[in-house]
């Protein structure tokens, strides 16, 4: 299992509870296709930010641990996954402070 980080910056003014929340999520790919791009953005924005995977991908059957913390203090994120066959799956309003695994399957 590989680990990727979306950012570890601390923002002044966050509550202790928000700072302490664990935003690491195992992304499981059970789709039959390689997941080539993965984005996680705070629900309050329309910008997908950067591709967290960069040049890497999540092969079918693999699980990657990603730190979704972008320093905003938010727990709610939208996920966008792009697959090798061109399919795009978007899931909105995921509470990354309450889940430890998110599975893509078709």
PDB file of N, CA and C in Angstrom:
ATOM      1  N   UNK A   1       0.841  -1.171   0.000  1.00  0.00           N
ATOM      2  CA  UNK A   1       0.000   0.000   0.000  1.00  0.00           C
ATOM      3  C   UNK A   1       0.888   1.236   0.000  1.00  0.00           C
ATOM      4  N   UNK A   2       0.638   2.162  -0.926  1.00  0.00           N
ATOM      5  CA  UNK A   2       1.383   3.413  -0.960  1.00  0.00           C
ATOM      6  C   UNK A   2       0.556   4.514  -0.309  1.00  0.00           C
ATOM      7  N   UNK A   3       1.215   5.539   0.181  1.00  0.00           N
ATOM      8  CA  UNK A   3       0.549   6.648   0.848  1.00  0.00           C
ATOM      9  C   UNK A   3       0.854   7.935   0.102  1.00  0.00           C
ATOM     10  N   UNK A   4      -0.184   8.727  -0.135  1.00  0.00           N
ATOM     11  CA  UNK A   4      -0.054  10.027  -0.778  1.00  0.00           C
ATOM     12  C   UNK A   4      -0.611  11.081   0.156  1.00  0.00           C
ATOM     13  N   UNK A   5      -0.117  12.300   0.061  1.00  0.00           N
ATOM     14  CA  UNK A   5      -0.583  13.383   0.916  1.00  0.00           C
ATOM     15  C   UNK A   5      -1.079  14.542   0.082  1.00  0.00           C
ATOM     16  N   UNK A   6      -2.275  15.048   0.422  1.00  0.00           N
ATOM     17  CA  UNK A   6      -2.841  16.213  -0.249  1.00  0.00           C
ATOM     18  C   UNK A   6      -2.296  17.495   0.365  1.00  0.00           C
ATOM     19  N   UNK A   7      -1.750  17.429   1.548  1.00  0.00           N
ATOM     20  CA  UNK A   7      -1.194  18.610   2.198  1.00  0.00           C
ATOM     21  C   UNK A   7      -1.245  18.436   3.693  1.00  0.00           C
ATOM     22  N   UNK A   8      -0.262  18.967   4.368  1.00  0.00           N
ATOM     23  CA  UNK A   8      -0.213  18.815   5.813  1.00  0.00           C
ATOM     24  C   UNK A   8      -0.161  20.167   6.529  1.00  0.00           C
ATOM     25  N   UNK A   9      -0.476  21.216   5.822  1.00  0.00           N
ATOM     26  CA  UNK A   9      -0.375  22.558   6.408  1.00  0.00           C
ATOM     27  C   UNK A   9      -1.407  22.751   7.508  1.00  0.00           C
ATOM     28  N   UNK A  10      -1.000  23.429   8.570  1.00  0.00           N
ATOM     29  CA  UNK A  10      -1.933  23.796   9.627  1.00  0.00           C
ATOM     30  C   UNK A  10      -2.382  25.222   9.394  1.00  0.00           C
ATOM     31  N   UNK A  11      -3.645  25.468   9.617  1.00  0.00           N
ATOM     32  CA  UNK A  11      -4.198  26.799   9.437  1.00  0.00           C
ATOM     33  C   UNK A  11      -4.506  27.363  10.814  1.00  0.00           C
ATOM     34  N   UNK A  12      -4.018  28.581  11.088  1.00  0.00           N
ATOM     35  CA  UNK A  12      -4.269  29.209  12.377  1.00  0.00           C
ATOM     36  C   UNK A  12      -5.760  29.429  12.560  1.00  0.00           C
ATOM     37  N   UNK A  13      -6.235  29.258  13.774  1.00  0.00           N
ATOM     38  CA  UNK A  13      -7.632  29.488  14.067  1.00  0.00           C
ATOM     39  C   UNK A  13      -8.493  28.246  14.004  1.00  0.00           C
ATOM     40  N   UNK A  14      -7.969  27.119  13.617  1.00  0.00           N
ATOM     41  CA  UNK A  14      -8.754  25.887  13.609  1.00  0.00           C
ATOM     42  C   UNK A  14      -8.987  25.428  15.039  1.00  0.00           C
ATOM     43  N   UNK A  15     -10.123  24.834  15.275  1.00  0.00           N
ATOM     44  CA  UNK A  15     -10.385  24.302  16.605  1.00  0.00           C
ATOM     45  C   UNK A  15      -9.510  23.076  16.839  1.00  0.00           C
ATOM     46  N   UNK A  16      -9.289  22.733  18.087  1.00  0.00           N
ATOM     47  CA  UNK A  16      -8.480  21.570  18.425  1.00  0.00           C
ATOM     48  C   UNK A  16      -9.117  20.314  17.838  1.00  0.00           C
ATOM     49  N   UNK A  17     -10.435  20.185  17.889  1.00  0.00           N
ATOM     50  CA  UNK A  17     -11.120  19.020  17.343  1.00  0.00           C
ATOM     51  C   UNK A  17     -10.903  18.874  15.855  1.00  0.00           C
ATOM     52  N   UNK A  18     -10.955  19.968  15.116  1.00  0.00           N
ATOM     53  CA  UNK A  18     -10.753  19.914  13.666  1.00  0.00           C
ATOM     54  C   UNK A  18      -9.314  19.545  13.337  1.00  0.00           C
ATOM     55  N   UNK A  19      -8.355  20.058  14.131  1.00  0.00           N
ATOM     56  CA  UNK A  19      -6.959  19.733  13.885  1.00  0.00           C
ATOM     57  C   UNK A  19      -6.684  18.262  14.152  1.00  0.00           C
ATOM     58  N   UNK A  20      -7.373  17.700  15.142  1.00  0.00           N
ATOM     59  CA  UNK A  20      -7.096  16.333  15.557  1.00  0.00           C
ATOM     60  C   UNK A  20      -7.787  15.289  14.676  1.00  0.00           C
ATOM     61  N   UNK A  21      -8.738  15.690  13.849  1.00  0.00           N
ATOM     62  CA  UNK A  21      -9.482  14.741  13.026  1.00  0.00           C
ATOM     63  C   UNK A  21      -8.550  14.049  12.032  1.00  0.00           C
ATOM     64  N   UNK A  22      -8.731  12.748  11.895  1.00  0.00           N
ATOM     65  CA  UNK A  22      -7.933  11.949  10.962  1.00  0.00           C
ATOM     66  C   UNK A  22      -8.604  11.992   9.591  1.00  0.00           C
ATOM     67  N   UNK A  23      -7.898  12.483   8.599  1.00  0.00           N
ATOM     68  CA  UNK A  23      -8.437  12.606   7.244  1.00  0.00           C
ATOM     69  C   UNK A  23      -7.753  11.644   6.270  1.00  0.00           C
ATOM     70  N   UNK A  24      -7.128  10.594   6.790  1.00  0.00           N
ATOM     71  CA  UNK A  24      -6.529   9.577   5.930  1.00  0.00           C
ATOM     72  C   UNK A  24      -7.608   8.594   5.504  1.00  0.00           C
ATOM     73  N   UNK A  25      -7.648   8.316   4.203  1.00  0.00           N
ATOM     74  CA  UNK A  25      -8.664   7.423   3.653  1.00  0.00           C
ATOM     75  C   UNK A  25      -7.983   6.417   2.737  1.00  0.00           C
ATOM     76  N   UNK A  26      -8.316   5.140   2.930  1.00  0.00           N
ATOM     77  CA  UNK A  26      -7.883   4.106   1.991  1.00  0.00           C
ATOM     78  C   UNK A  26      -8.809   4.156   0.786  1.00  0.00           C
ATOM     79  N   UNK A  27      -8.250   4.377  -0.397  1.00  0.00           N
ATOM     80  CA  UNK A  27      -9.014   4.368  -1.635  1.00  0.00           C
ATOM     81  C   UNK A  27      -8.839   2.995  -2.262  1.00  0.00           C
ATOM     82  N   UNK A  28      -9.920   2.232  -2.321  1.00  0.00           N
ATOM     83  CA  UNK A  28      -9.898   0.890  -2.896  1.00  0.00           C
ATOM     84  C   UNK A  28     -10.450   0.942  -4.315  1.00  0.00           C
ATOM     85  N   UNK A  29      -9.753   0.306  -5.221  1.00  0.00           N
ATOM     86  CA  UNK A  29     -10.198   0.236  -6.614  1.00  0.00           C
ATOM     87  C   UNK A  29     -10.638  -1.190  -6.916  1.00  0.00           C
ATOM     88  N   UNK A  30     -11.936  -1.381  -7.059  1.00  0.00           N
ATOM     89  CA  UNK A  30     -12.514  -2.683  -7.382  1.00  0.00           C
ATOM     90  C   UNK A  30     -13.366  -2.554  -8.650  1.00  0.00           C
ATOM     91  N   UNK A  31     -12.833  -1.865  -9.657  1.00  0.00           N
ATOM     92  CA  UNK A  31     -13.618  -1.542 -10.854  1.00  0.00           C
ATOM     93  C   UNK A  31     -13.284  -2.383 -12.074  1.00  0.00           C
ATOM     94  N   UNK A  32     -12.159  -3.076 -12.059  1.00  0.00           N
ATOM     95  CA  UNK A  32     -11.720  -3.794 -13.250  1.00  0.00           C
ATOM     96  C   UNK A  32     -10.863  -2.943 -14.167  1.00  0.00           C
ATOM     97  N   UNK A  33     -10.686  -1.664 -13.856  1.00  0.00           N
ATOM     98  CA  UNK A  33      -9.863  -0.722 -14.632  1.00  0.00           C
ATOM     99  C   UNK A  33      -8.910   0.006 -13.686  1.00  0.00           C
ATOM    100  N   UNK A  34      -7.772   0.407 -14.205  1.00  0.00           N
ATOM    101  CA  UNK A  34      -6.840   1.207 -13.407  1.00  0.00           C
ATOM    102  C   UNK A  34      -7.432   2.594 -13.165  1.00  0.00           C
ATOM    103  N   UNK A  35      -7.282   3.101 -11.946  1.00  0.00           N
ATOM    104  CA  UNK A  35      -7.688   4.459 -11.598  1.00  0.00           C
ATOM    105  C   UNK A  35      -6.455   5.321 -11.861  1.00  0.00           C
ATOM    106  N   UNK A  36      -6.536   6.221 -12.845  1.00  0.00           N
ATOM    107  CA  UNK A  36      -5.357   6.966 -13.294  1.00  0.00           C
ATOM    108  C   UNK A  36      -5.217   8.361 -12.689  1.00  0.00           C
ATOM    109  N   UNK A  37      -6.322   8.958 -12.260  1.00  0.00           N
ATOM    110  CA  UNK A  37      -6.297  10.299 -11.655  1.00  0.00           C
ATOM    111  C   UNK A  37      -7.285  10.315 -10.493  1.00  0.00           C
ATOM    112  N   UNK A  38      -6.877  10.952  -9.394  1.00  0.00           N
ATOM    113  CA  UNK A  38      -7.765  11.068  -8.235  1.00  0.00           C
ATOM    114  C   UNK A  38      -7.676  12.481  -7.686  1.00  0.00           C
ATOM    115  N   UNK A  39      -8.847  13.074  -7.453  1.00  0.00           N
ATOM    116  CA  UNK A  39      -8.937  14.443  -6.948  1.00  0.00           C
ATOM    117  C   UNK A  39      -9.828  14.454  -5.709  1.00  0.00           C
ATOM    118  N   UNK A  40      -9.492  15.279  -4.742  1.00  0.00           N
ATOM    119  CA  UNK A  40     -10.327  15.492  -3.562  1.00  0.00           C
ATOM    120  C   UNK A  40     -10.321  16.984  -3.277  1.00  0.00           C
ATOM    121  N   UNK A  41     -11.510  17.586  -3.290  1.00  0.00           N
ATOM    122  CA  UNK A  41     -11.623  19.021  -3.062  1.00  0.00           C
ATOM    123  C   UNK A  41     -12.702  19.302  -2.029  1.00  0.00           C
ATOM    124  N   UNK A  42     -12.461  20.294  -1.198  1.00  0.00           N
ATOM    125  CA  UNK A  42     -13.445  20.720  -0.208  1.00  0.00           C
ATOM    126  C   UNK A  42     -14.761  21.008  -0.932  1.00  0.00           C
ATOM    127  N   UNK A  43     -15.867  20.597  -0.331  1.00  0.00           N
ATOM    128  CA  UNK A  43     -17.172  20.732  -0.992  1.00  0.00           C
ATOM    129  C   UNK A  43     -17.541  22.178  -1.315  1.00  0.00           C
ATOM    130  N   UNK A  44     -16.934  23.132  -0.654  1.00  0.00           N
ATOM    131  CA  UNK A  44     -17.274  24.537  -0.872  1.00  0.00           C
ATOM    132  C   UNK A  44     -16.595  25.142  -2.105  1.00  0.00           C
ATOM    133  N   UNK A  45     -15.840  24.360  -2.870  1.00  0.00           N
ATOM    134  CA  UNK A  45     -15.157  24.881  -4.052  1.00  0.00           C
ATOM    135  C   UNK A  45     -15.563  24.113  -5.302  1.00  0.00           C
ATOM    136  N   UNK A  46     -15.445  24.767  -6.451  1.00  0.00           N
ATOM    137  CA  UNK A  46     -15.712  24.113  -7.735  1.00  0.00           C
ATOM    138  C   UNK A  46     -14.416  23.707  -8.425  1.00  0.00           C
ATOM    139  N   UNK A  47     -13.279  23.900  -7.750  1.00  0.00           N
ATOM    140  CA  UNK A  47     -11.961  23.605  -8.319  1.00  0.00           C
ATOM    141  C   UNK A  47     -11.500  22.238  -7.832  1.00  0.00           C
ATOM    142  N   UNK A  48     -11.083  21.375  -8.758  1.00  0.00           N
ATOM    143  CA  UNK A  48     -10.642  20.028  -8.388  1.00  0.00           C
ATOM    144  C   UNK A  48      -9.200  19.999  -7.883  1.00  0.00           C
ATOM    145  N   UNK A  49      -8.521  21.123  -7.866  1.00  0.00           N
ATOM    146  CA  UNK A  49      -7.144  21.159  -7.376  1.00  0.00           C
ATOM    147  C   UNK A  49      -6.245  20.291  -8.250  1.00  0.00           C
ATOM    148  N   UNK A  50      -5.225  19.666  -7.654  1.00  0.00           N
ATOM    149  CA  UNK A  50      -4.261  18.854  -8.401  1.00  0.00           C
ATOM    150  C   UNK A  50      -4.614  17.374  -8.326  1.00  0.00           C
ATOM    151  N   UNK A  51      -4.123  16.626  -9.294  1.00  0.00           N
ATOM    152  CA  UNK A  51      -4.277  15.174  -9.288  1.00  0.00           C
ATOM    153  C   UNK A  51      -3.384  14.617  -8.186  1.00  0.00           C
ATOM    154  N   UNK A  52      -3.966  14.033  -7.173  1.00  0.00           N
ATOM    155  CA  UNK A  52      -3.212  13.531  -6.021  1.00  0.00           C
ATOM    156  C   UNK A  52      -2.256  12.405  -6.421  1.00  0.00           C
ATOM    157  N   UNK A  53      -2.631  11.617  -7.412  1.00  0.00           N
ATOM    158  CA  UNK A  53      -1.795  10.487  -7.810  1.00  0.00           C
ATOM    159  C   UNK A  53      -0.581  10.891  -8.638  1.00  0.00           C
ATOM    160  N   UNK A  54      -0.629  12.047  -9.269  1.00  0.00           N
ATOM    161  CA  UNK A  54       0.486  12.460 -10.123  1.00  0.00           C
ATOM    162  C   UNK A  54       0.699  11.448 -11.233  1.00  0.00           C
ATOM    163  N   UNK A  55       1.905  10.920 -11.353  1.00  0.00           N
ATOM    164  CA  UNK A  55       2.236   9.948 -12.412  1.00  0.00           C
ATOM    165  C   UNK A  55       1.843   8.519 -12.031  1.00  0.00           C
ATOM    166  N   UNK A  56       1.403   8.305 -10.778  1.00  0.00           N
ATOM    167  CA  UNK A  56       1.033   6.967 -10.320  1.00  0.00           C
ATOM    168  C   UNK A  56      -0.414   6.659 -10.667  1.00  0.00           C
ATOM    169  N   UNK A  57      -0.813   5.405 -10.435  1.00  0.00           N
ATOM    170  CA  UNK A  57      -2.201   5.006 -10.610  1.00  0.00           C
ATOM    171  C   UNK A  57      -2.534   3.942  -9.582  1.00  0.00           C
ATOM    172  N   UNK A  58      -3.826   3.711  -9.396  1.00  0.00           N
ATOM    173  CA  UNK A  58      -4.294   2.660  -8.500  1.00  0.00           C
ATOM    174  C   UNK A  58      -4.851   1.552  -9.392  1.00  0.00           C
ATOM    175  N   UNK A  59      -4.120   0.453  -9.469  1.00  0.00           N
ATOM    176  CA  UNK A  59      -4.547  -0.674 -10.303  1.00  0.00           C
ATOM    177  C   UNK A  59      -5.790  -1.324  -9.702  1.00  0.00           C
ATOM    178  N   UNK A  60      -6.540  -2.053 -10.531  1.00  0.00           N
ATOM    179  CA  UNK A  60      -7.678  -2.807 -10.046  1.00  0.00           C
ATOM    180  C   UNK A  60      -7.217  -3.751  -8.933  1.00  0.00           C
ATOM    181  N   UNK A  61      -7.946  -3.752  -7.827  1.00  0.00           N
ATOM    182  CA  UNK A  61      -7.608  -4.603  -6.695  1.00  0.00           C
ATOM    183  C   UNK A  61      -6.657  -3.971  -5.700  1.00  0.00           C
ATOM    184  N   UNK A  62      -6.072  -2.828  -6.027  1.00  0.00           N
ATOM    185  CA  UNK A  62      -5.146  -2.154  -5.112  1.00  0.00           C
ATOM    186  C   UNK A  62      -5.879  -1.197  -4.183  1.00  0.00           C
ATOM    187  N   UNK A  63      -5.229  -0.913  -3.058  1.00  0.00           N
ATOM    188  CA  UNK A  63      -5.703   0.066  -2.086  1.00  0.00           C
ATOM    189  C   UNK A  63      -4.570   1.045  -1.819  1.00  0.00           C
ATOM    190  N   UNK A  64      -4.861   2.345  -1.883  1.00  0.00           N
ATOM    191  CA  UNK A  64      -3.880   3.385  -1.573  1.00  0.00           C
ATOM    192  C   UNK A  64      -4.405   4.200  -0.404  1.00  0.00           C
ATOM    193  N   UNK A  65      -3.530   4.540   0.514  1.00  0.00           N
ATOM    194  CA  UNK A  65      -3.880   5.396   1.630  1.00  0.00           C
ATOM    195  C   UNK A  65      -3.534   6.827   1.261  1.00  0.00           C
ATOM    196  N   UNK A  66      -4.519   7.710   1.324  1.00  0.00           N
ATOM    197  CA  UNK A  66      -4.329   9.111   0.951  1.00  0.00           C
ATOM    198  C   UNK A  66      -4.711   9.994   2.131  1.00  0.00           C
ATOM    199  N   UNK A  67      -3.851  10.956   2.459  1.00  0.00           N
ATOM    200  CA  UNK A  67      -4.152  11.946   3.491  1.00  0.00           C
ATOM    201  C   UNK A  67      -4.883  13.093   2.802  1.00  0.00           C
ATOM    202  N   UNK A  68      -6.174  13.210   3.063  1.00  0.00           N
ATOM    203  CA  UNK A  68      -7.027  14.194   2.388  1.00  0.00           C
ATOM    204  C   UNK A  68      -6.889  15.586   3.010  1.00  0.00           C
ATOM    205  N   UNK A  69      -6.196  15.715   4.124  1.00  0.00           N
ATOM    206  CA  UNK A  69      -6.085  16.989   4.836  1.00  0.00           C
ATOM    207  C   UNK A  69      -5.391  18.044   3.983  1.00  0.00           C
ATOM    208  N   UNK A  70      -6.115  19.107   3.654  1.00  0.00           N
ATOM    209  CA  UNK A  70      -5.542  20.203   2.872  1.00  0.00           C
ATOM    210  C   UNK A  70      -5.284  21.441   3.727  1.00  0.00           C
ATOM    211  N   UNK A  71      -5.464  21.324   5.042  1.00  0.00           N
ATOM    212  CA  UNK A  71      -5.220  22.442   5.940  1.00  0.00           C
ATOM    213  C   UNK A  71      -6.428  23.336   6.154  1.00  0.00           C
ATOM    214  N   UNK A  72      -7.540  23.045   5.492  1.00  0.00           N
ATOM    215  CA  UNK A  72      -8.726  23.895   5.599  1.00  0.00           C
ATOM    216  C   UNK A  72      -9.520  23.629   6.871  1.00  0.00           C
ATOM    217  N   UNK A  73      -9.314  22.472   7.515  1.00  0.00           N
ATOM    218  CA  UNK A  73     -10.103  22.102   8.679  1.00  0.00           C
ATOM    219  C   UNK A  73     -11.407  21.417   8.318  1.00  0.00           C
ATOM    220  N   UNK A  74     -11.696  21.313   7.048  1.00  0.00           N
ATOM    221  CA  UNK A  74     -12.940  20.701   6.582  1.00  0.00           C
ATOM    222  C   UNK A  74     -12.887  19.182   6.681  1.00  0.00           C
ATOM    223  N   UNK A  75     -14.041  18.585   6.909  1.00  0.00           N
ATOM    224  CA  UNK A  75     -14.172  17.128   6.892  1.00  0.00           C
ATOM    225  C   UNK A  75     -14.920  16.666   5.645  1.00  0.00           C
ATOM    226  N   UNK A  76     -15.591  17.560   4.954  1.00  0.00           N
ATOM    227  CA  UNK A  76     -16.435  17.196   3.809  1.00  0.00           C
ATOM    228  C   UNK A  76     -15.720  17.524   2.488  1.00  0.00           C
ATOM    229  N   UNK A  77     -15.549  16.478   1.676  1.00  0.00           N
ATOM    230  CA  UNK A  77     -14.837  16.601   0.407  1.00  0.00           C
ATOM    231  C   UNK A  77     -15.628  15.933  -0.713  1.00  0.00           C
ATOM    232  N   UNK A  78     -15.385  16.403  -1.924  1.00  0.00           N
ATOM    233  CA  UNK A  78     -15.878  15.745  -3.129  1.00  0.00           C
ATOM    234  C   UNK A  78     -14.713  14.964  -3.712  1.00  0.00           C
ATOM    235  N   UNK A  79     -14.983  13.746  -4.181  1.00  0.00           N
ATOM    236  CA  UNK A  79     -13.966  12.906  -4.816  1.00  0.00           C
ATOM    237  C   UNK A  79     -14.263  12.786  -6.298  1.00  0.00           C
ATOM    238  N   UNK A  80     -13.209  12.809  -7.087  1.00  0.00           N
ATOM    239  CA  UNK A  80     -13.329  12.569  -8.525  1.00  0.00           C
ATOM    240  C   UNK A  80     -12.259  11.549  -8.921  1.00  0.00           C
ATOM    241  N   UNK A  81     -12.707  10.461  -9.529  1.00  0.00           N
ATOM    242  CA  UNK A  81     -11.799   9.414  -9.993  1.00  0.00           C
ATOM    243  C   UNK A  81     -11.914   9.295 -11.501  1.00  0.00           C
ATOM    244  N   UNK A  82     -10.762   9.246 -12.168  1.00  0.00           N
ATOM    245  CA  UNK A  82     -10.713   9.067 -13.617  1.00  0.00           C
ATOM    246  C   UNK A  82     -10.028   7.733 -13.877  1.00  0.00           C
ATOM    247  N   UNK A  83     -10.648   6.926 -14.744  1.00  0.00           N
ATOM    248  CA  UNK A  83     -10.156   5.577 -14.995  1.00  0.00           C
ATOM    249  C   UNK A  83      -9.504   5.466 -16.365  1.00  0.00           C
ATOM    250  N   UNK A  84      -8.730   4.422 -16.513  1.00  0.00           N
ATOM    251  CA  UNK A  84      -7.963   4.166 -17.732  1.00  0.00           C
ATOM    252  C   UNK A  84      -8.839   4.154 -18.993  1.00  0.00           C
ATOM    253  N   UNK A  85     -10.089   3.709 -18.864  1.00  0.00           N
ATOM    254  CA  UNK A  85     -10.991   3.649 -20.020  1.00  0.00           C
ATOM    255  C   UNK A  85     -11.698   4.975 -20.292  1.00  0.00           C
ATOM    256  N   UNK A  86     -11.372   6.025 -19.495  1.00  0.00           N
ATOM    257  CA  UNK A  86     -11.952   7.347 -19.699  1.00  0.00           C
ATOM    258  C   UNK A  86     -13.165   7.654 -18.836  1.00  0.00           C
ATOM    259  N   UNK A  87     -13.718   6.641 -18.159  1.00  0.00           N
ATOM    260  CA  UNK A  87     -14.854   6.882 -17.268  1.00  0.00           C
ATOM    261  C   UNK A  87     -14.436   7.782 -16.115  1.00  0.00           C
ATOM    262  N   UNK A  88     -15.381   8.630 -15.689  1.00  0.00           N
ATOM    263  CA  UNK A  88     -15.160   9.532 -14.561  1.00  0.00           C
ATOM    264  C   UNK A  88     -16.278   9.284 -13.550  1.00  0.00           C
ATOM    265  N   UNK A  89     -15.899   9.057 -12.298  1.00  0.00           N
ATOM    266  CA  UNK A  89     -16.875   8.884 -11.229  1.00  0.00           C
ATOM    267  C   UNK A  89     -16.661   9.984 -10.199  1.00  0.00           C
ATOM    268  N   UNK A  90     -17.735  10.719  -9.888  1.00  0.00           N
ATOM    269  CA  UNK A  90     -17.669  11.792  -8.902  1.00  0.00           C
ATOM    270  C   UNK A  90     -18.599  11.434  -7.752  1.00  0.00           C
ATOM    271  N   UNK A  91     -18.095  11.547  -6.547  1.00  0.00           N
ATOM    272  CA  UNK A  91     -18.891  11.342  -5.341  1.00  0.00           C
ATOM    273  C   UNK A  91     -18.768  12.603  -4.510  1.00  0.00           C
ATOM    274  N   UNK A  92     -19.889  13.162  -4.123  1.00  0.00           N
ATOM    275  CA  UNK A  92     -19.891  14.443  -3.419  1.00  0.00           C
ATOM    276  C   UNK A  92     -20.180  14.286  -1.924  1.00  0.00           C
ATOM    277  N   UNK A  93     -19.651  15.236  -1.167  1.00  0.00           N
ATOM    278  CA  UNK A  93     -19.963  15.393   0.257  1.00  0.00           C
ATOM    279  C   UNK A  93     -19.568  14.175   1.099  1.00  0.00           C
ATOM    280  N   UNK A  94     -18.360  13.701   0.928  1.00  0.00           N
ATOM    281  CA  UNK A  94     -17.852  12.572   1.703  1.00  0.00           C
ATOM    282  C   UNK A  94     -17.210  13.107   2.977  1.00  0.00           C
ATOM    283  N   UNK A  95     -17.608  12.573   4.118  1.00  0.00           N
ATOM    284  CA  UNK A  95     -17.051  13.004   5.398  1.00  0.00           C
ATOM    285  C   UNK A  95     -15.800  12.175   5.690  1.00  0.00           C
ATOM    286  N   UNK A  96     -14.637  12.728   5.360  1.00  0.00           N
ATOM    287  CA  UNK A  96     -13.373  12.001   5.519  1.00  0.00           C
ATOM    288  C   UNK A  96     -12.926  11.901   6.981  1.00  0.00           C
ATOM    289  N   UNK A  97     -13.598  12.608   7.881  1.00  0.00           N
ATOM    290  CA  UNK A  97     -13.299  12.482   9.307  1.00  0.00           C
ATOM    291  C   UNK A  97     -14.014  11.277   9.916  1.00  0.00           C
ATOM    292  N   UNK A  98     -14.989  10.734   9.201  1.00  0.00           N
ATOM    293  CA  UNK A  98     -15.783   9.623   9.727  1.00  0.00           C
ATOM    294  C   UNK A  98     -15.566   8.302   8.999  1.00  0.00           C
ATOM    295  N   UNK A  99     -14.930   8.332   7.830  1.00  0.00           N
ATOM    296  CA  UNK A  99     -14.683   7.077   7.111  1.00  0.00           C
ATOM    297  C   UNK A  99     -13.188   6.796   7.075  1.00  0.00           C
ATOM    298  N   UNK A 100     -12.835   5.539   6.933  1.00  0.00           N
ATOM    299  CA  UNK A 100     -11.424   5.194   6.784  1.00  0.00           C
ATOM    300  C   UNK A 100     -11.158   4.544   5.428  1.00  0.00           C
ATOM    301  N   UNK A 101     -12.228   4.119   4.731  1.00  0.00           N
ATOM    302  CA  UNK A 101     -12.085   3.468   3.435  1.00  0.00           C
ATOM    303  C   UNK A 101     -13.184   3.952   2.499  1.00  0.00           C
ATOM    304  N   UNK A 102     -12.800   4.211   1.253  1.00  0.00           N
ATOM    305  CA  UNK A 102     -13.780   4.487   0.207  1.00  0.00           C
ATOM    306  C   UNK A 102     -13.474   3.551  -0.960  1.00  0.00           C
ATOM    307  N   UNK A 103     -14.482   2.789  -1.389  1.00  0.00           N
ATOM    308  CA  UNK A 103     -14.287   1.795  -2.438  1.00  0.00           C
ATOM    309  C   UNK A 103     -14.989   2.209  -3.719  1.00  0.00           C
ATOM    310  N   UNK A 104     -14.221   2.212  -4.813  1.00  0.00           N
ATOM    311  CA  UNK A 104     -14.799   2.393  -6.136  1.00  0.00           C
ATOM    312  C   UNK A 104     -15.066   1.016  -6.715  1.00  0.00           C
ATOM    313  N   UNK A 105     -16.314   0.794  -7.150  1.00  0.00           N
ATOM    314  CA  UNK A 105     -16.671  -0.475  -7.791  1.00  0.00           C
ATOM    315  C   UNK A 105     -17.730  -0.195  -8.856  1.00  0.00           C
ATOM    316  N   UNK A 106     -17.791  -1.076  -9.850  1.00  0.00           N
ATOM    317  CA  UNK A 106     -18.804  -0.924 -10.901  1.00  0.00           C
ATOM    318  C   UNK A 106     -19.431  -2.255 -11.171  1.00  0.00           C
TER     319      UNK A 106
END
